[in-house]
Amino acid sequence: MSISFKWAQYPMSVILFAVFFYLRYPVSYRDLEEIISERGFEIDHSTLNRWIVRYAPLLADQAHARKRTSASSWRADETYIKVRGQWTYLYRAVDRDGQTLDFMLSERRNLPAARRFFKKVIASNSGPERVVIDKSGANLVGLQAVNVILKFTDQGTQIHIRQAKYLNNILEQDHRFIKRITKPMMGFKAFHSAEATLAGIEVAHMIRKGPIANRNRRPFQVSAELAG
């Protein structure tokens, strides 16, 4: 199903250009306001913010529905994102080839958050044979809890859990792209806007890496196709 731009004040192409540019490159809203003005459109930075919060999660939903099948060996970890002046935790998972599987922003780094994330990523992908994590106790117990559910509900095979920080280097490198984009944002003012923006950044990164992209399409063309 395509994304609706009904009642939007500006053409869909302008909105998508602004949204994609903000999610893909390290710019602030005021930087983007200036860039858009060079294309002949005077758009306030507050309007740009509303576009991101509205459309980025919708693009994320479309991207997840179209991404390719992942490898059966996963890497999972979390990185730090500042929201309202406080550190929050962006849980992320990629497969052994570096393709993004899923992500989740959490205000806490604990067992309930880890369990919720692993249930989310397994639900949105075919179940893994192995998951590599670092030495985090919460992540270990979270995966063990998922294994208990799988065992007693007969919903899948048990996941082999391996704790080896060096095997997670591919994910550590992947975190850097997300942090490079969020750095000019100087932190988020609200949790819901952080969730929306990060969902869009992850999609732009997925397009860049290729799990939903056609190699004959430019990244912006792919994002436009996601919007329908």
C-alpha atoms as a PDB file:
ATOM      1  CA  MET A   1       0.000   0.000   0.000  1.00  0.00           C
ATOM      2  CA  SER A   2       1.389   3.405  -0.949  1.00  0.00           C
ATOM      3  CA  ILE A   3       1.897   6.281   1.494  1.00  0.00           C
ATOM      4  CA  SER A   4      -0.778   8.959   1.305  1.00  0.00           C
ATOM      5  CA  PHE A   5       0.276  12.565   0.759  1.00  0.00           C
ATOM      6  CA  LYS A   6      -3.294  13.816   0.577  1.00  0.00           C
ATOM      7  CA  TRP A   7      -3.769  17.341   1.918  1.00  0.00           C
ATOM      8  CA  ALA A   8      -0.011  17.978   1.872  1.00  0.00           C
ATOM      9  CA  GLN A   9       0.813  21.605   1.098  1.00  0.00           C
ATOM     10  CA  TYR A  10       3.828  20.714  -1.048  1.00  0.00           C
ATOM     11  CA  PRO A  11       4.323  18.202  -3.891  1.00  0.00           C
ATOM     12  CA  MET A  12       5.202  14.653  -2.887  1.00  0.00           C
ATOM     13  CA  SER A  13       8.565  14.913  -4.668  1.00  0.00           C
ATOM     14  CA  VAL A  14       9.589  17.899  -2.534  1.00  0.00           C
ATOM     15  CA  ILE A  15       8.544  16.190   0.692  1.00  0.00           C
ATOM     16  CA  LEU A  16      10.353  12.974  -0.198  1.00  0.00           C
ATOM     17  CA  PHE A  17      13.480  14.859  -1.226  1.00  0.00           C
ATOM     18  CA  ALA A  18      13.582  16.694   2.111  1.00  0.00           C
ATOM     19  CA  VAL A  19      12.861  13.571   4.155  1.00  0.00           C
ATOM     20  CA  PHE A  20      15.398  11.421   2.330  1.00  0.00           C
ATOM     21  CA  PHE A  21      18.135  14.077   2.427  1.00  0.00           C
ATOM     22  CA  TYR A  22      17.725  14.566   6.189  1.00  0.00           C
ATOM     23  CA  LEU A  23      17.731  10.841   6.923  1.00  0.00           C
ATOM     24  CA  ARG A  24      20.646  10.025   4.636  1.00  0.00           C
ATOM     25  CA  TYR A  25      23.124  12.844   5.301  1.00  0.00           C
ATOM     26  CA  PRO A  26      24.472  14.530   8.463  1.00  0.00           C
ATOM     27  CA  VAL A  27      22.570  17.831   8.311  1.00  0.00           C
ATOM     28  CA  SER A  28      20.512  19.849  10.764  1.00  0.00           C
ATOM     29  CA  TYR A  29      16.967  21.050  10.075  1.00  0.00           C
ATOM     30  CA  ARG A  30      18.261  24.569   9.504  1.00  0.00           C
ATOM     31  CA  ASP A  31      20.857  23.232   7.058  1.00  0.00           C
ATOM     32  CA  LEU A  32      18.091  21.409   5.210  1.00  0.00           C
ATOM     33  CA  GLU A  33      15.890  24.509   5.238  1.00  0.00           C
ATOM     34  CA  GLU A  34      18.677  26.353   3.396  1.00  0.00           C
ATOM     35  CA  ILE A  35      19.234  23.479   0.948  1.00  0.00           C
ATOM     36  CA  ILE A  36      15.526  23.325   0.087  1.00  0.00           C
ATOM     37  CA  SER A  37      15.411  27.094  -0.423  1.00  0.00           C
ATOM     38  CA  GLU A  38      18.060  26.681  -3.126  1.00  0.00           C
ATOM     39  CA  ARG A  39      15.510  24.575  -5.004  1.00  0.00           C
ATOM     40  CA  GLY A  40      12.979  27.391  -4.848  1.00  0.00           C
ATOM     41  CA  PHE A  41      10.883  26.296  -1.840  1.00  0.00           C
ATOM     42  CA  GLU A  42      10.710  28.295   1.382  1.00  0.00           C
ATOM     43  CA  ILE A  43       9.950  25.674   4.041  1.00  0.00           C
ATOM     44  CA  ASP A  44      10.336  26.326   7.760  1.00  0.00           C
ATOM     45  CA  HIS A  45      12.483  23.910   9.752  1.00  0.00           C
ATOM     46  CA  SER A  46       9.505  23.099  12.013  1.00  0.00           C
ATOM     47  CA  THR A  47       7.598  21.883   8.942  1.00  0.00           C
ATOM     48  CA  LEU A  48      10.565  19.713   7.991  1.00  0.00           C
ATOM     49  CA  ASN A  49      10.480  18.199  11.476  1.00  0.00           C
ATOM     50  CA  ARG A  50       6.789  17.355  11.116  1.00  0.00           C
ATOM     51  CA  TRP A  51       7.492  15.658   7.782  1.00  0.00           C
ATOM     52  CA  ILE A  52      10.188  13.480   9.323  1.00  0.00           C
ATOM     53  CA  VAL A  53       8.022  12.436  12.268  1.00  0.00           C
ATOM     54  CA  ARG A  54       5.054  11.685   9.981  1.00  0.00           C
ATOM     55  CA  TYR A  55       6.679  10.003   6.986  1.00  0.00           C
ATOM     56  CA  ALA A  56       9.864   8.311   8.251  1.00  0.00           C
ATOM     57  CA  PRO A  57       7.996   5.545  10.167  1.00  0.00           C
ATOM     58  CA  LEU A  58       5.769   4.924   7.129  1.00  0.00           C
ATOM     59  CA  LEU A  59       8.830   4.500   4.904  1.00  0.00           C
ATOM     60  CA  ALA A  60      10.255   2.121   7.528  1.00  0.00           C
ATOM     61  CA  ASP A  61       7.120  -0.040   7.410  1.00  0.00           C
ATOM     62  CA  GLN A  62       7.329  -0.231   3.624  1.00  0.00           C
ATOM     63  CA  ALA A  63      11.036  -1.069   3.706  1.00  0.00           C
ATOM     64  CA  HIS A  64      10.592  -3.935   6.161  1.00  0.00           C
ATOM     65  CA  ALA A  65       7.871  -5.418   3.984  1.00  0.00           C
ATOM     66  CA  ARG A  66      10.197  -5.459   0.960  1.00  0.00           C
ATOM     67  CA  LYS A  67      13.619  -6.395   2.336  1.00  0.00           C
ATOM     68  CA  ARG A  68      15.326  -9.582   1.249  1.00  0.00           C
ATOM     69  CA  THR A  69      15.657 -12.768   3.297  1.00  0.00           C
ATOM     70  CA  SER A  70      18.443 -12.556   5.876  1.00  0.00           C
ATOM     71  CA  ALA A  71      21.256 -14.975   6.687  1.00  0.00           C
ATOM     72  CA  SER A  72      20.698 -17.327   9.634  1.00  0.00           C
ATOM     73  CA  SER A  73      23.611 -15.968  11.697  1.00  0.00           C
ATOM     74  CA  TRP A  74      22.881 -12.650  13.425  1.00  0.00           C
ATOM     75  CA  ARG A  75      24.778  -9.973  15.361  1.00  0.00           C
ATOM     76  CA  ALA A  76      22.951  -7.993  18.058  1.00  0.00           C
ATOM     77  CA  ASP A  77      24.036  -5.075  20.228  1.00  0.00           C
ATOM     78  CA  GLU A  78      22.937  -1.614  21.319  1.00  0.00           C
ATOM     79  CA  THR A  79      24.317   1.908  20.987  1.00  0.00           C
ATOM     80  CA  TYR A  80      23.607   5.147  22.827  1.00  0.00           C
ATOM     81  CA  ILE A  81      21.298   7.940  21.651  1.00  0.00           C
ATOM     82  CA  LYS A  82      20.586  11.099  23.676  1.00  0.00           C
ATOM     83  CA  VAL A  83      16.900  12.008  24.147  1.00  0.00           C
ATOM     84  CA  ARG A  84      15.773  14.915  26.342  1.00  0.00           C
ATOM     85  CA  GLY A  85      19.329  15.203  27.601  1.00  0.00           C
ATOM     86  CA  GLN A  86      19.389  11.584  28.791  1.00  0.00           C
ATOM     87  CA  TRP A  87      21.057   8.560  27.229  1.00  0.00           C
ATOM     88  CA  THR A  88      18.701   5.984  25.732  1.00  0.00           C
ATOM     89  CA  TYR A  89      19.532   2.718  24.000  1.00  0.00           C
ATOM     90  CA  LEU A  90      19.119   1.866  20.340  1.00  0.00           C
ATOM     91  CA  TYR A  91      18.988  -1.930  20.052  1.00  0.00           C
ATOM     92  CA  ARG A  92      20.091  -3.083  16.593  1.00  0.00           C
ATOM     93  CA  ALA A  93      20.619  -6.384  14.806  1.00  0.00           C
ATOM     94  CA  VAL A  94      22.282  -7.240  11.490  1.00  0.00           C
ATOM     95  CA  ASP A  95      22.974 -10.569   9.840  1.00  0.00           C
ATOM     96  CA  ARG A  96      26.467 -11.913   9.159  1.00  0.00           C
ATOM     97  CA  ASP A  97      26.478 -10.044   5.823  1.00  0.00           C
ATOM     98  CA  GLY A  98      25.792  -6.733   7.558  1.00  0.00           C
ATOM     99  CA  GLN A  99      22.194  -6.364   6.365  1.00  0.00           C
ATOM    100  CA  THR A 100      19.899  -4.621   8.826  1.00  0.00           C
ATOM    101  CA  LEU A 101      17.345  -6.902  10.482  1.00  0.00           C
ATOM    102  CA  ASP A 102      15.549  -4.638  12.935  1.00  0.00           C
ATOM    103  CA  PHE A 103      16.026  -1.973  15.606  1.00  0.00           C
ATOM    104  CA  MET A 104      14.285  -0.663  18.711  1.00  0.00           C
ATOM    105  CA  LEU A 105      14.775   2.445  20.832  1.00  0.00           C
ATOM    106  CA  SER A 106      14.453   1.878  24.571  1.00  0.00           C
ATOM    107  CA  GLU A 107      14.681   4.175  27.572  1.00  0.00           C
ATOM    108  CA  ARG A 108      16.300   1.350  29.543  1.00  0.00           C
ATOM    109  CA  ARG A 109      18.942  -1.289  28.983  1.00  0.00           C
ATOM    110  CA  ASN A 110      17.676  -4.270  30.933  1.00  0.00           C
ATOM    111  CA  LEU A 111      16.135  -7.721  30.603  1.00  0.00           C
ATOM    112  CA  PRO A 112      12.593  -6.620  29.603  1.00  0.00           C
ATOM    113  CA  ALA A 113      14.024  -4.328  26.901  1.00  0.00           C
ATOM    114  CA  ALA A 114      16.358  -7.031  25.558  1.00  0.00           C
ATOM    115  CA  ARG A 115      13.598  -9.647  25.527  1.00  0.00           C
ATOM    116  CA  ARG A 116      11.203  -7.255  23.786  1.00  0.00           C
ATOM    117  CA  PHE A 117      13.809  -6.458  21.141  1.00  0.00           C
ATOM    118  CA  PHE A 118      14.677 -10.067  20.391  1.00  0.00           C
ATOM    119  CA  LYS A 119      11.016 -11.010  20.107  1.00  0.00           C
ATOM    120  CA  LYS A 120      10.534  -8.067  17.715  1.00  0.00           C
ATOM    121  CA  VAL A 121      13.470  -8.907  15.454  1.00  0.00           C
ATOM    122  CA  ILE A 122      12.579 -12.600  15.307  1.00  0.00           C
ATOM    123  CA  ALA A 123       8.966 -11.760  14.468  1.00  0.00           C
ATOM    124  CA  SER A 124      10.033  -9.539  11.545  1.00  0.00           C
ATOM    125  CA  ASN A 125      12.551 -12.029  10.115  1.00  0.00           C
ATOM    126  CA  SER A 126      12.859 -15.769   9.735  1.00  0.00           C
ATOM    127  CA  GLY A 127      14.290 -17.149  12.988  1.00  0.00           C
ATOM    128  CA  PRO A 128      18.099 -17.361  13.286  1.00  0.00           C
ATOM    129  CA  GLU A 129      20.224 -20.405  13.942  1.00  0.00           C
ATOM    130  CA  ARG A 130      22.777 -18.372  15.866  1.00  0.00           C
ATOM    131  CA  VAL A 131      22.930 -14.931  17.507  1.00  0.00           C
ATOM    132  CA  VAL A 132      26.251 -13.354  18.488  1.00  0.00           C
ATOM    133  CA  ILE A 133      26.173 -10.809  21.317  1.00  0.00           C
ATOM    134  CA  ASP A 134      28.772  -9.139  23.521  1.00  0.00           C
ATOM    135  CA  LYS A 135      29.185  -9.780  27.239  1.00  0.00           C
ATOM    136  CA  SER A 136      25.923  -8.024  28.153  1.00  0.00           C
ATOM    137  CA  GLY A 137      24.116 -10.050  30.802  1.00  0.00           C
ATOM    138  CA  ALA A 138      20.730  -8.530  29.892  1.00  0.00           C
ATOM    139  CA  ASN A 139      21.066  -9.570  26.252  1.00  0.00           C
ATOM    140  CA  LEU A 140      22.105 -13.080  27.245  1.00  0.00           C
ATOM    141  CA  VAL A 141      19.156 -13.540  29.602  1.00  0.00           C
ATOM    142  CA  GLY A 142      16.824 -11.941  27.061  1.00  0.00           C
ATOM    143  CA  LEU A 143      17.812 -14.478  24.403  1.00  0.00           C
ATOM    144  CA  GLN A 144      17.568 -17.317  26.904  1.00  0.00           C
ATOM    145  CA  ALA A 145      14.025 -16.177  27.713  1.00  0.00           C
ATOM    146  CA  VAL A 146      13.178 -16.259  24.007  1.00  0.00           C
ATOM    147  CA  ASN A 147      14.573 -19.801  23.811  1.00  0.00           C
ATOM    148  CA  VAL A 148      12.303 -20.839  26.665  1.00  0.00           C
ATOM    149  CA  ILE A 149       9.306 -19.467  24.762  1.00  0.00           C
ATOM    150  CA  LEU A 150      10.384 -21.277  21.584  1.00  0.00           C
ATOM    151  CA  LYS A 151      10.822 -24.515  23.496  1.00  0.00           C
ATOM    152  CA  PHE A 152       7.460 -24.561  25.221  1.00  0.00           C
ATOM    153  CA  THR A 153       5.411 -23.169  22.348  1.00  0.00           C
ATOM    154  CA  ASP A 154       7.110 -25.252  19.668  1.00  0.00           C
ATOM    155  CA  GLN A 155       7.302 -22.161  17.433  1.00  0.00           C
ATOM    156  CA  GLY A 156      10.855 -22.729  16.211  1.00  0.00           C
ATOM    157  CA  THR A 157      14.248 -24.279  16.875  1.00  0.00           C
ATOM    158  CA  GLN A 158      16.423 -23.202  19.772  1.00  0.00           C
ATOM    159  CA  ILE A 159      18.819 -20.336  19.045  1.00  0.00           C
ATOM    160  CA  HIS A 160      22.527 -20.941  19.569  1.00  0.00           C
ATOM    161  CA  ILE A 161      23.838 -18.018  21.616  1.00  0.00           C
ATOM    162  CA  ARG A 162      27.470 -16.986  21.378  1.00  0.00           C
ATOM    163  CA  GLN A 163      29.104 -14.210  23.382  1.00  0.00           C
ATOM    164  CA  ALA A 164      32.146 -12.925  21.489  1.00  0.00           C
ATOM    165  CA  LYS A 165      32.760  -9.202  21.228  1.00  0.00           C
ATOM    166  CA  TYR A 166      35.213  -9.446  18.320  1.00  0.00           C
ATOM    167  CA  LEU A 167      32.589 -11.185  16.173  1.00  0.00           C
ATOM    168  CA  ASN A 168      30.359  -8.144  16.628  1.00  0.00           C
ATOM    169  CA  ASN A 169      32.823  -5.795  14.893  1.00  0.00           C
ATOM    170  CA  ILE A 170      30.578  -5.702  11.814  1.00  0.00           C
ATOM    171  CA  LEU A 171      27.773  -4.289  13.961  1.00  0.00           C
ATOM    172  CA  GLU A 172      30.060  -1.846  15.771  1.00  0.00           C
ATOM    173  CA  GLN A 173      31.065  -0.463  12.373  1.00  0.00           C
ATOM    174  CA  ASP A 174      27.405  -0.304  11.364  1.00  0.00           C
ATOM    175  CA  HIS A 175      26.587   1.762  14.473  1.00  0.00           C
ATOM    176  CA  ARG A 176      28.983   4.445  13.240  1.00  0.00           C
ATOM    177  CA  PHE A 177      26.810   5.321  10.256  1.00  0.00           C
ATOM    178  CA  ILE A 178      23.799   5.910  12.509  1.00  0.00           C
ATOM    179  CA  LYS A 179      25.821   8.032  14.932  1.00  0.00           C
ATOM    180  CA  ARG A 180      27.314  10.064  12.075  1.00  0.00           C
ATOM    181  CA  ILE A 181      23.814  11.030  10.912  1.00  0.00           C
ATOM    182  CA  THR A 182      22.469  11.812  14.408  1.00  0.00           C
ATOM    183  CA  LYS A 183      25.485  13.872  15.526  1.00  0.00           C
ATOM    184  CA  PRO A 184      24.381  17.175  13.887  1.00  0.00           C
ATOM    185  CA  MET A 185      20.939  16.739  15.471  1.00  0.00           C
ATOM    186  CA  MET A 186      22.425  17.511  18.909  1.00  0.00           C
ATOM    187  CA  GLY A 187      20.057  15.126  20.681  1.00  0.00           C
ATOM    188  CA  PHE A 188      16.293  14.638  20.414  1.00  0.00           C
ATOM    189  CA  LYS A 189      13.676  16.647  22.301  1.00  0.00           C
ATOM    190  CA  ALA A 190      11.060  13.868  22.549  1.00  0.00           C
ATOM    191  CA  PHE A 191      11.139  10.072  22.593  1.00  0.00           C
ATOM    192  CA  HIS A 192       8.477   9.638  19.883  1.00  0.00           C
ATOM    193  CA  SER A 193      10.292  11.961  17.467  1.00  0.00           C
ATOM    194  CA  ALA A 194      13.551  10.102  18.181  1.00  0.00           C
ATOM    195  CA  GLU A 195      11.846   6.785  17.371  1.00  0.00           C
ATOM    196  CA  ALA A 196      10.419   8.165  14.130  1.00  0.00           C
ATOM    197  CA  THR A 197      13.654   9.785  12.983  1.00  0.00           C
ATOM    198  CA  LEU A 198      15.799   6.766  13.816  1.00  0.00           C
ATOM    199  CA  ALA A 199      13.409   4.490  11.931  1.00  0.00           C
ATOM    200  CA  GLY A 200      13.933   6.661   8.874  1.00  0.00           C
ATOM    201  CA  ILE A 201      17.713   6.775   9.303  1.00  0.00           C
ATOM    202  CA  GLU A 202      17.773   2.991   9.490  1.00  0.00           C
ATOM    203  CA  VAL A 203      15.781   2.781   6.245  1.00  0.00           C
ATOM    204  CA  ALA A 204      18.158   5.169   4.466  1.00  0.00           C
ATOM    205  CA  HIS A 205      21.026   3.000   5.694  1.00  0.00           C
ATOM    206  CA  MET A 206      19.256  -0.160   4.497  1.00  0.00           C
ATOM    207  CA  ILE A 207      18.834   1.385   1.055  1.00  0.00           C
ATOM    208  CA  ARG A 208      22.513   2.322   1.024  1.00  0.00           C
ATOM    209  CA  LYS A 209      23.534  -1.244   1.913  1.00  0.00           C
ATOM    210  CA  GLY A 210      21.188  -2.833  -0.582  1.00  0.00           C
ATOM    211  CA  PRO A 211      18.749  -5.263   1.113  1.00  0.00           C
ATOM    212  CA  ILE A 212      15.729  -3.511  -0.391  1.00  0.00           C
ATOM    213  CA  ALA A 213      17.374  -1.717  -3.302  1.00  0.00           C
ATOM    214  CA  ASN A 214      17.449  -2.503  -6.975  1.00  0.00           C
ATOM    215  CA  ARG A 215      21.037  -2.005  -8.113  1.00  0.00           C
ATOM    216  CA  ASN A 216      19.750  -0.108 -11.167  1.00  0.00           C
ATOM    217  CA  ARG A 217      18.056   2.501  -8.970  1.00  0.00           C
ATOM    218  CA  ARG A 218      19.551   5.483  -7.202  1.00  0.00           C
ATOM    219  CA  PRO A 219      18.914   5.605  -3.426  1.00  0.00           C
ATOM    220  CA  PHE A 220      16.425   8.462  -3.741  1.00  0.00           C
ATOM    221  CA  GLN A 221      14.544   6.536  -6.454  1.00  0.00           C
ATOM    222  CA  VAL A 222      14.287   3.564  -4.103  1.00  0.00           C
ATOM    223  CA  SER A 223      12.837   5.737  -1.326  1.00  0.00           C
ATOM    224  CA  ALA A 224      10.323   7.185  -3.795  1.00  0.00           C
ATOM    225  CA  GLU A 225       9.316   3.654  -4.823  1.00  0.00           C
ATOM    226  CA  LEU A 226       8.779   2.772  -1.168  1.00  0.00           C
ATOM    227  CA  ALA A 227       6.394   5.710  -0.891  1.00  0.00           C
ATOM    228  CA  GLY A 228       4.516   4.406  -3.921  1.00  0.00           C
END
